Each structure stands twice: as C-alpha cells, then as structure tokens.
Amino acid sequence: MQQPCKTCDRREQDFGGCRCQALLLAGDAAATDPVCSLAPLRLKVDAILAAVNLAPVPVGAGLAPPAADPLTQPAWLYRPNPS
C-alpha cells in the first residue's frame, strides 16, 4: 500500500480504494485511488468532473424520449467526494 494510504486512518475501511480507478487514471493498479481527496492525482479527477458537468447533453442521447426543449446543461451533476 502506497502513501497516503499507508498511514491513512481510513485504510482499514476502504483498503486503499478502487484498484480499477487507480489503473485507469494513474496507470498503476497499486497507486492511490485517484478519487480519494488525499490522492496526488485528485486534481485530474476534479478536472474530469468539471468537464463532464459543463458538457452539453445531446438531445436523444439517453434512453428517455427527446425533451421538447433542447438541453444545454445536464439535469444531474457528478458530485465530488466531500472532504
């Protein structure tokens, strides 16, 4: 287990986070879960969330029928992990 996980008080609860997210975003499954607020790559996750939350949603992109008015902002937001 790498730092900051190695000395984190939550390591017994989350076991260092998600290995899949670490592999996808850090390129190393043994890296700290980038979604953790203590992770060195957390700024990358925040940038991805900001881009997704600002991106327009194309009409008809989902399974629901198209809305009468075109959407310019998503009706939902990905919420960052509260610190």
PDB file of N, CA and C in Angstrom:
ATOM      1  N   MET A   1       0.847  -1.173   0.000  1.00  0.00           N
ATOM      2  CA  MET A   1       0.000   0.000   0.000  1.00  0.00           C
ATOM      3  C   MET A   1       0.896   1.241   0.000  1.00  0.00           C
ATOM      4  N   GLN A   2       0.605   2.152  -0.907  1.00  0.00           N
ATOM      5  CA  GLN A   2       1.402   3.368  -1.042  1.00  0.00           C
ATOM      6  C   GLN A   2       0.904   4.485  -0.122  1.00  0.00           C
ATOM      7  N   GLN A   3       1.712   5.526   0.009  1.00  0.00           N
ATOM      8  CA  GLN A   3       1.282   6.721   0.727  1.00  0.00           C
ATOM      9  C   GLN A   3       0.337   7.493  -0.187  1.00  0.00           C
ATOM     10  N   PRO A   4      -0.658   8.167   0.282  1.00  0.00           N
ATOM     11  CA  PRO A   4      -1.014   8.418   1.666  1.00  0.00           C
ATOM     12  C   PRO A   4      -1.837   7.308   2.315  1.00  0.00           C
ATOM     13  N   CYS A   5      -2.158   6.265   1.552  1.00  0.00           N
ATOM     14  CA  CYS A   5      -2.987   5.175   2.095  1.00  0.00           C
ATOM     15  C   CYS A   5      -2.309   4.449   3.260  1.00  0.00           C
ATOM     16  N   LYS A   6      -1.010   4.294   3.160  1.00  0.00           N
ATOM     17  CA  LYS A   6      -0.266   3.513   4.140  1.00  0.00           C
ATOM     18  C   LYS A   6      -0.458   4.023   5.569  1.00  0.00           C
ATOM     19  N   THR A   7      -0.575   5.324   5.750  1.00  0.00           N
ATOM     20  CA  THR A   7      -0.723   5.906   7.080  1.00  0.00           C
ATOM     21  C   THR A   7      -2.098   6.527   7.307  1.00  0.00           C
ATOM     22  N   CYS A   8      -3.033   6.326   6.395  1.00  0.00           N
ATOM     23  CA  CYS A   8      -4.366   6.926   6.497  1.00  0.00           C
ATOM     24  C   CYS A   8      -5.200   6.207   7.558  1.00  0.00           C
ATOM     25  N   ASP A   9      -5.989   6.971   8.289  1.00  0.00           N
ATOM     26  CA  ASP A   9      -6.876   6.406   9.310  1.00  0.00           C
ATOM     27  C   ASP A   9      -7.992   5.556   8.712  1.00  0.00           C
ATOM     28  N   ARG A  10      -8.312   5.763   7.439  1.00  0.00           N
ATOM     29  CA  ARG A  10      -9.418   5.032   6.808  1.00  0.00           C
ATOM     30  C   ARG A  10      -8.973   3.775   6.078  1.00  0.00           C
ATOM     31  N   ARG A  11      -7.689   3.425   6.107  1.00  0.00           N
ATOM     32  CA  ARG A  11      -7.185   2.289   5.334  1.00  0.00           C
ATOM     33  C   ARG A  11      -7.846   0.971   5.711  1.00  0.00           C
ATOM     34  N   GLU A  12      -8.296   0.828   6.954  1.00  0.00           N
ATOM     35  CA  GLU A  12      -8.961  -0.403   7.381  1.00  0.00           C
ATOM     36  C   GLU A  12     -10.404  -0.463   6.859  1.00  0.00           C
ATOM     37  N   GLN A  13     -10.955   0.671   6.438  1.00  0.00           N
ATOM     38  CA  GLN A  13     -12.329   0.710   5.937  1.00  0.00           C
ATOM     39  C   GLN A  13     -12.395   0.611   4.416  1.00  0.00           C
ATOM     40  N   ASP A  14     -11.514   1.335   3.725  1.00  0.00           N
ATOM     41  CA  ASP A  14     -11.606   1.328   2.261  1.00  0.00           C
ATOM     42  C   ASP A  14     -10.495   0.534   1.574  1.00  0.00           C
ATOM     43  N   PHE A  15      -9.545   0.011   2.346  1.00  0.00           N
ATOM     44  CA  PHE A  15      -8.460  -0.834   1.835  1.00  0.00           C
ATOM     45  C   PHE A  15      -7.672  -0.167   0.707  1.00  0.00           C
ATOM     46  N   GLY A  16      -7.580   1.139   0.758  1.00  0.00           N
ATOM     47  CA  GLY A  16      -6.810   1.859  -0.259  1.00  0.00           C
ATOM     48  C   GLY A  16      -7.600   2.253  -1.480  1.00  0.00           C
ATOM     49  N   GLY A  17      -8.888   2.057  -1.471  1.00  0.00           N
ATOM     50  CA  GLY A  17      -9.730   2.499  -2.581  1.00  0.00           C
ATOM     51  C   GLY A  17      -9.848   1.492  -3.703  1.00  0.00           C
ATOM     52  N   CYS A  18     -10.268   1.988  -4.844  1.00  0.00           N
ATOM     53  CA  CYS A  18     -10.587   1.153  -6.003  1.00  0.00           C
ATOM     54  C   CYS A  18      -9.356   0.958  -6.890  1.00  0.00           C
ATOM     55  N   ARG A  19      -8.989  -0.286  -7.099  1.00  0.00           N
ATOM     56  CA  ARG A  19      -7.832  -0.617  -7.939  1.00  0.00           C
ATOM     57  C   ARG A  19      -8.116  -0.322  -9.413  1.00  0.00           C
ATOM     58  N   CYS A  20      -9.360  -0.493  -9.840  1.00  0.00           N
ATOM     59  CA  CYS A  20      -9.715  -0.233 -11.239  1.00  0.00           C
ATOM     60  C   CYS A  20      -9.562   1.246 -11.571  1.00  0.00           C
ATOM     61  N   GLN A  21     -10.028   2.117 -10.677  1.00  0.00           N
ATOM     62  CA  GLN A  21      -9.879   3.561 -10.893  1.00  0.00           C
ATOM     63  C   GLN A  21      -8.412   3.951 -10.883  1.00  0.00           C
ATOM     64  N   ALA A  22      -7.632   3.348  -9.995  1.00  0.00           N
ATOM     65  CA  ALA A  22      -6.202   3.640  -9.941  1.00  0.00           C
ATOM     66  C   ALA A  22      -5.528   3.239 -11.250  1.00  0.00           C
ATOM     67  N   LEU A  23      -5.859   2.070 -11.775  1.00  0.00           N
ATOM     68  CA  LEU A  23      -5.266   1.611 -13.025  1.00  0.00           C
ATOM     69  C   LEU A  23      -5.664   2.510 -14.188  1.00  0.00           C
ATOM     70  N   LEU A  24      -6.938   2.865 -14.264  1.00  0.00           N
ATOM     71  CA  LEU A  24      -7.426   3.676 -15.371  1.00  0.00           C
ATOM     72  C   LEU A  24      -6.828   5.080 -15.368  1.00  0.00           C
ATOM     73  N   LEU A  25      -6.813   5.723 -14.211  1.00  0.00           N
ATOM     74  CA  LEU A  25      -6.399   7.122 -14.154  1.00  0.00           C
ATOM     75  C   LEU A  25      -4.921   7.328 -13.848  1.00  0.00           C
ATOM     76  N   ALA A  26      -4.311   6.408 -13.118  1.00  0.00           N
ATOM     77  CA  ALA A  26      -2.903   6.566 -12.757  1.00  0.00           C
ATOM     78  C   ALA A  26      -1.995   5.651 -13.580  1.00  0.00           C
ATOM     79  N   GLY A  27      -2.593   4.647 -14.230  1.00  0.00           N
ATOM     80  CA  GLY A  27      -1.794   3.708 -14.991  1.00  0.00           C
ATOM     81  C   GLY A  27      -1.109   2.660 -14.130  1.00  0.00           C
ATOM     82  N   ASP A  28      -1.493   2.593 -12.853  1.00  0.00           N
ATOM     83  CA  ASP A  28      -0.872   1.652 -11.910  1.00  0.00           C
ATOM     84  C   ASP A  28      -1.943   1.203 -10.916  1.00  0.00           C
ATOM     85  N   ALA A  29      -2.274  -0.068 -10.938  1.00  0.00           N
ATOM     86  CA  ALA A  29      -3.306  -0.583 -10.043  1.00  0.00           C
ATOM     87  C   ALA A  29      -2.910  -0.476  -8.578  1.00  0.00           C
ATOM     88  N   ALA A  30      -1.631  -0.375  -8.282  1.00  0.00           N
ATOM     89  CA  ALA A  30      -1.165  -0.254  -6.899  1.00  0.00           C
ATOM     90  C   ALA A  30      -1.152   1.188  -6.407  1.00  0.00           C
ATOM     91  N   ALA A  31      -1.444   2.142  -7.282  1.00  0.00           N
ATOM     92  CA  ALA A  31      -1.428   3.558  -6.901  1.00  0.00           C
ATOM     93  C   ALA A  31      -2.608   3.885  -5.991  1.00  0.00           C
ATOM     94  N   THR A  32      -2.521   5.013  -5.325  1.00  0.00           N
ATOM     95  CA  THR A  32      -3.630   5.502  -4.509  1.00  0.00           C
ATOM     96  C   THR A  32      -4.840   5.750  -5.402  1.00  0.00           C
ATOM     97  N   ASP A  33      -6.024   5.383  -4.934  1.00  0.00           N
ATOM     98  CA  ASP A  33      -7.251   5.627  -5.684  1.00  0.00           C
ATOM     99  C   ASP A  33      -7.351   7.125  -5.974  1.00  0.00           C
ATOM    100  N   PRO A  34      -7.359   7.535  -7.254  1.00  0.00           N
ATOM    101  CA  PRO A  34      -7.374   8.954  -7.588  1.00  0.00           C
ATOM    102  C   PRO A  34      -8.623   9.697  -7.109  1.00  0.00           C
ATOM    103  N   VAL A  35      -9.682   8.988  -6.804  1.00  0.00           N
ATOM    104  CA  VAL A  35     -10.908   9.635  -6.343  1.00  0.00           C
ATOM    105  C   VAL A  35     -10.794  10.091  -4.882  1.00  0.00           C
ATOM    106  N   CYS A  36      -9.866   9.519  -4.145  1.00  0.00           N
ATOM    107  CA  CYS A  36      -9.657   9.915  -2.752  1.00  0.00           C
ATOM    108  C   CYS A  36      -9.209  11.367  -2.697  1.00  0.00           C
ATOM    109  N   SER A  37      -9.725  12.112  -1.740  1.00  0.00           N
ATOM    110  CA  SER A  37      -9.364  13.527  -1.608  1.00  0.00           C
ATOM    111  C   SER A  37      -7.901  13.717  -1.229  1.00  0.00           C
ATOM    112  N   LEU A  38      -7.226  12.669  -0.740  1.00  0.00           N
ATOM    113  CA  LEU A  38      -5.817  12.764  -0.370  1.00  0.00           C
ATOM    114  C   LEU A  38      -4.877  12.319  -1.489  1.00  0.00           C
ATOM    115  N   ALA A  39      -5.408  11.808  -2.580  1.00  0.00           N
ATOM    116  CA  ALA A  39      -4.594  11.263  -3.661  1.00  0.00           C
ATOM    117  C   ALA A  39      -3.853  12.353  -4.424  1.00  0.00           C
ATOM    118  N   PRO A  40      -2.628  12.061  -4.838  1.00  0.00           N
ATOM    119  CA  PRO A  40      -1.870  13.039  -5.630  1.00  0.00           C
ATOM    120  C   PRO A  40      -2.539  13.371  -6.966  1.00  0.00           C
ATOM    121  N   LEU A  41      -3.316  12.443  -7.522  1.00  0.00           N
ATOM    122  CA  LEU A  41      -3.984  12.676  -8.803  1.00  0.00           C
ATOM    123  C   LEU A  41      -5.412  13.196  -8.657  1.00  0.00           C
ATOM    124  N   ARG A  42      -5.810  13.621  -7.484  1.00  0.00           N
ATOM    125  CA  ARG A  42      -7.183  14.099  -7.275  1.00  0.00           C
ATOM    126  C   ARG A  42      -7.517  15.277  -8.179  1.00  0.00           C
ATOM    127  N   LEU A  43      -6.543  16.131  -8.489  1.00  0.00           N
ATOM    128  CA  LEU A  43      -6.799  17.275  -9.374  1.00  0.00           C
ATOM    129  C   LEU A  43      -7.223  16.814 -10.769  1.00  0.00           C
ATOM    130  N   LYS A  44      -6.692  15.673 -11.219  1.00  0.00           N
ATOM    131  CA  LYS A  44      -7.091  15.114 -12.512  1.00  0.00           C
ATOM    132  C   LYS A  44      -8.558  14.696 -12.475  1.00  0.00           C
ATOM    133  N   VAL A  45      -8.985  14.076 -11.385  1.00  0.00           N
ATOM    134  CA  VAL A  45     -10.386  13.667 -11.230  1.00  0.00           C
ATOM    135  C   VAL A  45     -11.287  14.896 -11.192  1.00  0.00           C
ATOM    136  N   ASP A  46     -10.888  15.923 -10.449  1.00  0.00           N
ATOM    137  CA  ASP A  46     -11.680  17.156 -10.376  1.00  0.00           C
ATOM    138  C   ASP A  46     -11.822  17.803 -11.754  1.00  0.00           C
ATOM    139  N   ALA A  47     -10.763  17.776 -12.551  1.00  0.00           N
ATOM    140  CA  ALA A  47     -10.819  18.346 -13.904  1.00  0.00           C
ATOM    141  C   ALA A  47     -11.770  17.549 -14.793  1.00  0.00           C
ATOM    142  N   ILE A  48     -11.749  16.225 -14.673  1.00  0.00           N
ATOM    143  CA  ILE A  48     -12.657  15.382 -15.452  1.00  0.00           C
ATOM    144  C   ILE A  48     -14.105  15.658 -15.050  1.00  0.00           C
ATOM    145  N   LEU A  49     -14.366  15.752 -13.755  1.00  0.00           N
ATOM    146  CA  LEU A  49     -15.723  16.032 -13.278  1.00  0.00           C
ATOM    147  C   LEU A  49     -16.207  17.396 -13.743  1.00  0.00           C
ATOM    148  N   ALA A  50     -15.338  18.394 -13.695  1.00  0.00           N
ATOM    149  CA  ALA A  50     -15.716  19.734 -14.144  1.00  0.00           C
ATOM    150  C   ALA A  50     -16.058  19.727 -15.629  1.00  0.00           C
ATOM    151  N   ALA A  51     -15.264  19.023 -16.431  1.00  0.00           N
ATOM    152  CA  ALA A  51     -15.526  18.946 -17.868  1.00  0.00           C
ATOM    153  C   ALA A  51     -16.834  18.228 -18.161  1.00  0.00           C
ATOM    154  N   VAL A  52     -17.098  17.150 -17.458  1.00  0.00           N
ATOM    155  CA  VAL A  52     -18.341  16.391 -17.663  1.00  0.00           C
ATOM    156  C   VAL A  52     -19.548  17.221 -17.247  1.00  0.00           C
ATOM    157  N   ASN A  53     -19.446  17.923 -16.136  1.00  0.00           N
ATOM    158  CA  ASN A  53     -20.574  18.708 -15.644  1.00  0.00           C
ATOM    159  C   ASN A  53     -20.865  19.929 -16.506  1.00  0.00           C
ATOM    160  N   LEU A  54     -19.893  20.405 -17.278  1.00  0.00           N
ATOM    161  CA  LEU A  54     -20.096  21.563 -18.142  1.00  0.00           C
ATOM    162  C   LEU A  54     -20.448  21.186 -19.573  1.00  0.00           C
ATOM    163  N   ALA A  55     -20.267  19.922 -19.932  1.00  0.00           N
ATOM    164  CA  ALA A  55     -20.514  19.476 -21.302  1.00  0.00           C
ATOM    165  C   ALA A  55     -22.012  19.468 -21.605  1.00  0.00           C
ATOM    166  N   PRO A  56     -22.399  19.961 -22.789  1.00  0.00           N
ATOM    167  CA  PRO A  56     -23.816  19.895 -23.159  1.00  0.00           C
ATOM    168  C   PRO A  56     -24.247  18.447 -23.386  1.00  0.00           C
ATOM    169  N   VAL A  57     -25.487  18.178 -23.093  1.00  0.00           N
ATOM    170  CA  VAL A  57     -26.042  16.843 -23.283  1.00  0.00           C
ATOM    171  C   VAL A  57     -26.814  16.835 -24.594  1.00  0.00           C
ATOM    172  N   PRO A  58     -26.432  16.001 -25.571  1.00  0.00           N
ATOM    173  CA  PRO A  58     -27.166  15.965 -26.830  1.00  0.00           C
ATOM    174  C   PRO A  58     -28.571  15.400 -26.635  1.00  0.00           C
ATOM    175  N   VAL A  59     -29.526  15.991 -27.304  1.00  0.00           N
ATOM    176  CA  VAL A  59     -30.912  15.541 -27.212  1.00  0.00           C
ATOM    177  C   VAL A  59     -30.999  14.135 -27.788  1.00  0.00           C
ATOM    178  N   GLY A  60     -31.688  13.253 -27.081  1.00  0.00           N
ATOM    179  CA  GLY A  60     -31.858  11.889 -27.534  1.00  0.00           C
ATOM    180  C   GLY A  60     -30.679  10.985 -27.219  1.00  0.00           C
ATOM    181  N   ALA A  61     -29.730  11.462 -26.413  1.00  0.00           N
ATOM    182  CA  ALA A  61     -28.552  10.657 -26.106  1.00  0.00           C
ATOM    183  C   ALA A  61     -28.859   9.538 -25.127  1.00  0.00           C
ATOM    184  N   GLY A  62     -29.880   9.721 -24.308  1.00  0.00           N
ATOM    185  CA  GLY A  62     -30.224   8.720 -23.306  1.00  0.00           C
ATOM    186  C   GLY A  62     -31.340   7.812 -23.779  1.00  0.00           C
ATOM    187  N   LEU A  63     -31.904   7.070 -22.857  1.00  0.00           N
ATOM    188  CA  LEU A  63     -32.994   6.155 -23.193  1.00  0.00           C
ATOM    189  C   LEU A  63     -34.358   6.833 -23.149  1.00  0.00           C
ATOM    190  N   ALA A  64     -34.434   7.990 -22.511  1.00  0.00           N
ATOM    191  CA  ALA A  64     -35.709   8.707 -22.411  1.00  0.00           C
ATOM    192  C   ALA A  64     -36.036   9.349 -23.760  1.00  0.00           C
ATOM    193  N   PRO A  65     -37.311   9.584 -24.027  1.00  0.00           N
ATOM    194  CA  PRO A  65     -37.669  10.267 -25.278  1.00  0.00           C
ATOM    195  C   PRO A  65     -37.105  11.687 -25.283  1.00  0.00           C
ATOM    196  N   PRO A  66     -36.849  12.257 -26.455  1.00  0.00           N
ATOM    197  CA  PRO A  66     -36.300  13.608 -26.523  1.00  0.00           C
ATOM    198  C   PRO A  66     -37.218  14.615 -25.839  1.00  0.00           C
ATOM    199  N   ALA A  67     -36.614  15.578 -25.173  1.00  0.00           N
ATOM    200  CA  ALA A  67     -37.374  16.626 -24.491  1.00  0.00           C
ATOM    201  C   ALA A  67     -37.876  17.628 -25.517  1.00  0.00           C
ATOM    202  N   ALA A  68     -38.925  18.373 -25.150  1.00  0.00           N
ATOM    203  CA  ALA A  68     -39.463  19.389 -26.038  1.00  0.00           C
ATOM    204  C   ALA A  68     -38.435  20.493 -26.271  1.00  0.00           C
ATOM    205  N   ASP A  69     -37.727  20.866 -25.240  1.00  0.00           N
ATOM    206  CA  ASP A  69     -36.678  21.889 -25.351  1.00  0.00           C
ATOM    207  C   ASP A  69     -35.318  21.211 -25.352  1.00  0.00           C
ATOM    208  N   PRO A  70     -34.409  21.632 -26.225  1.00  0.00           N
ATOM    209  CA  PRO A  70     -33.067  21.027 -26.197  1.00  0.00           C
ATOM    210  C   PRO A  70     -32.368  21.332 -24.864  1.00  0.00           C
ATOM    211  N   LEU A  71     -31.624  20.376 -24.384  1.00  0.00           N
ATOM    212  CA  LEU A  71     -30.893  20.556 -23.135  1.00  0.00           C
ATOM    213  C   LEU A  71     -29.559  21.250 -23.414  1.00  0.00           C
ATOM    214  N   THR A  72     -29.238  22.227 -22.595  1.00  0.00           N
ATOM    215  CA  THR A  72     -27.940  22.873 -22.720  1.00  0.00           C
ATOM    216  C   THR A  72     -27.060  22.540 -21.532  1.00  0.00           C
ATOM    217  N   GLN A  73     -27.650  22.083 -20.455  1.00  0.00           N
ATOM    218  CA  GLN A  73     -26.922  21.659 -19.268  1.00  0.00           C
ATOM    219  C   GLN A  73     -27.515  20.331 -18.809  1.00  0.00           C
ATOM    220  N   PRO A  74     -26.699  19.443 -18.279  1.00  0.00           N
ATOM    221  CA  PRO A  74     -27.260  18.187 -17.776  1.00  0.00           C
ATOM    222  C   PRO A  74     -28.182  18.444 -16.590  1.00  0.00           C
ATOM    223  N   ALA A  75     -29.152  17.575 -16.423  1.00  0.00           N
ATOM    224  CA  ALA A  75     -30.088  17.692 -15.298  1.00  0.00           C
ATOM    225  C   ALA A  75     -29.477  17.122 -14.028  1.00  0.00           C
ATOM    226  N   TRP A  76     -28.277  16.577 -14.110  1.00  0.00           N
ATOM    227  CA  TRP A  76     -27.601  15.954 -12.975  1.00  0.00           C
ATOM    228  C   TRP A  76     -26.156  16.399 -12.969  1.00  0.00           C
ATOM    229  N   LEU A  77     -25.514  16.248 -11.857  1.00  0.00           N
ATOM    230  CA  LEU A  77     -24.102  16.574 -11.716  1.00  0.00           C
ATOM    231  C   LEU A  77     -23.404  15.451 -10.998  1.00  0.00           C
ATOM    232  N   TYR A  78     -22.160  15.134 -11.413  1.00  0.00           N
ATOM    233  CA  TYR A  78     -21.354  14.214 -10.638  1.00  0.00           C
ATOM    234  C   TYR A  78     -20.852  14.993  -9.434  1.00  0.00           C
ATOM    235  N   ARG A  79     -21.059  14.459  -8.264  1.00  0.00           N
ATOM    236  CA  ARG A  79     -20.672  15.153  -7.038  1.00  0.00           C
ATOM    237  C   ARG A  79     -19.313  14.648  -6.569  1.00  0.00           C
ATOM    238  N   PRO A  80     -18.349  15.562  -6.408  1.00  0.00           N
ATOM    239  CA  PRO A  80     -17.054  15.127  -5.867  1.00  0.00           C
ATOM    240  C   PRO A  80     -17.204  14.608  -4.433  1.00  0.00           C
ATOM    241  N   ASN A  81     -16.305  13.767  -4.048  1.00  0.00           N
ATOM    242  CA  ASN A  81     -16.312  13.227  -2.690  1.00  0.00           C
ATOM    243  C   ASN A  81     -16.133  14.360  -1.693  1.00  0.00           C
ATOM    244  N   PRO A  82     -17.072  14.533  -0.736  1.00  0.00           N
ATOM    245  CA  PRO A  82     -16.900  15.614   0.233  1.00  0.00           C
ATOM    246  C   PRO A  82     -15.706  15.357   1.140  1.00  0.00           C
ATOM    247  N   SER A  83     -15.020  16.412   1.457  1.00  0.00           N
ATOM    248  CA  SER A  83     -13.837  16.276   2.320  1.00  0.00           C
ATOM    249  C   SER A  83     -14.203  16.464   3.769  1.00  0.00           C
TER     250      SER A  83
END
